[in-house]
Amino acid sequence: MAQHEGWFSFAGGDKSHLTDEQRQIVEDRIRDRGDLLGVVQVVYENGCEPYVTFPKEAVFGVETNQSDIAEMVARAHAELVDWRSGPRPIL
């Protein structure tokens, strides 16, 4: 399975709490990442289960190979574990 270039998003609130400068930094980072693959959300109701959504601008969709979607979810999981174990960014 090929590693797909692009990024995935974690769902979580809006950016209204950020200053204009912080919001611009976030938007610049998003633009520099390339194409959005999909959005991974983790639901803690009745256990901890991830699910994936595909906004219209996402490269992946419901017709995407399941192994590619699973790879994206695994990347998101690894990022979440890394985030939990390390210093948290200000953004």
Protein backbone atom coordinates (compact mmCIF):
# COMPACT_ATOMS: atom_id res chain seq x y z
CA MET A 1 0.00 0.00 0.00
CA ALA A 2 1.41 3.38 -0.98
CA GLN A 3 1.84 6.14 1.56
CA HIS A 4 -0.43 8.98 0.44
CA GLU A 5 0.83 12.51 0.53
CA GLY A 6 -1.52 14.94 2.16
CA TRP A 7 -2.96 15.53 5.56
CA PHE A 8 -5.89 14.56 7.69
CA SER A 9 -7.82 16.60 10.17
CA PHE A 10 -8.83 16.01 13.74
CA ALA A 11 -12.28 17.33 14.48
CA GLY A 12 -12.44 19.74 17.31
CA GLY A 13 -14.15 23.04 17.63
CA ASP A 14 -13.67 26.24 15.78
CA LYS A 15 -10.83 28.74 15.73
CA SER A 16 -12.78 31.65 17.23
CA HIS A 17 -10.62 31.65 20.37
CA LEU A 18 -7.47 32.39 18.33
CA THR A 19 -6.10 35.82 17.62
CA ASP A 20 -6.02 36.97 13.99
CA GLU A 21 -2.28 36.24 13.90
CA GLN A 22 -2.72 32.71 15.33
CA ARG A 23 -5.60 32.02 12.92
CA GLN A 24 -3.39 33.11 9.99
CA ILE A 25 -0.60 30.77 11.15
CA VAL A 26 -3.07 27.87 11.28
CA GLU A 27 -4.45 28.68 7.82
CA ASP A 28 -0.90 28.95 6.41
CA ARG A 29 0.01 25.55 7.85
CA ILE A 30 -3.13 23.99 6.39
CA ARG A 31 -2.40 25.46 2.96
CA ASP A 32 1.24 24.29 3.09
CA ARG A 33 0.21 20.70 3.93
CA GLY A 34 -1.32 20.03 0.55
CA ASP A 35 -4.55 18.22 -0.16
CA LEU A 36 -6.89 17.10 2.63
CA LEU A 37 -7.30 13.31 2.66
CA GLY A 38 -10.18 13.13 5.14
CA VAL A 39 -11.30 13.92 8.67
CA VAL A 40 -10.79 11.44 11.52
CA GLN A 41 -13.00 11.88 14.57
CA VAL A 42 -12.82 9.88 17.79
CA VAL A 43 -16.02 9.22 19.67
CA TYR A 44 -15.74 8.39 23.37
CA GLU A 45 -19.37 7.43 23.79
CA ASN A 46 -19.68 3.68 24.51
CA GLY A 47 -15.95 3.17 24.11
CA CYS A 48 -13.36 4.88 21.97
CA GLU A 49 -14.06 4.48 18.27
CA PRO A 50 -12.69 6.52 15.37
CA TYR A 51 -14.83 7.37 12.40
CA VAL A 52 -13.98 9.12 9.18
CA THR A 53 -15.75 11.79 7.18
CA PHE A 54 -14.91 13.10 3.74
CA PRO A 55 -15.61 16.79 3.17
CA LYS A 56 -16.18 17.70 -0.47
CA GLU A 57 -12.61 19.06 -0.76
CA ALA A 58 -11.06 15.79 0.51
CA VAL A 59 -9.01 13.60 -1.82
CA PHE A 60 -10.44 10.43 -0.26
CA GLY A 61 -14.10 9.51 -0.37
CA VAL A 62 -16.42 6.61 0.36
CA GLU A 63 -15.18 4.86 -2.79
CA THR A 64 -11.52 4.96 -1.64
CA ASN A 65 -9.85 1.62 -0.98
CA GLN A 66 -10.46 0.58 2.63
CA SER A 67 -6.77 -0.13 3.22
CA ASP A 68 -5.93 3.47 2.29
CA ILE A 69 -8.57 4.77 4.70
CA ALA A 70 -7.24 2.43 7.42
CA GLU A 71 -3.74 3.82 6.80
CA MET A 72 -5.05 7.36 7.29
CA VAL A 73 -6.76 6.34 10.56
CA ALA A 74 -3.55 4.65 11.74
CA ARG A 75 -1.60 7.85 11.01
CA ALA A 76 -4.17 9.86 12.96
CA HIS A 77 -3.91 7.40 15.86
CA ALA A 78 -0.12 7.69 15.91
CA GLU A 79 -0.38 11.49 15.90
CA LEU A 80 -2.86 11.39 18.79
CA VAL A 81 -0.59 9.13 20.84
CA ASP A 82 2.36 11.43 20.09
CA TRP A 83 0.32 14.50 21.02
CA ARG A 84 -0.77 12.95 24.32
CA SER A 85 2.78 12.03 25.29
CA GLY A 86 4.52 15.27 24.34
CA PRO A 87 4.31 18.96 25.03
CA ARG A 88 1.10 20.50 23.78
CA PRO A 89 1.24 23.28 21.19
CA ILE A 90 -0.25 26.67 22.03
CA LEU A 91 -2.60 26.49 19.04
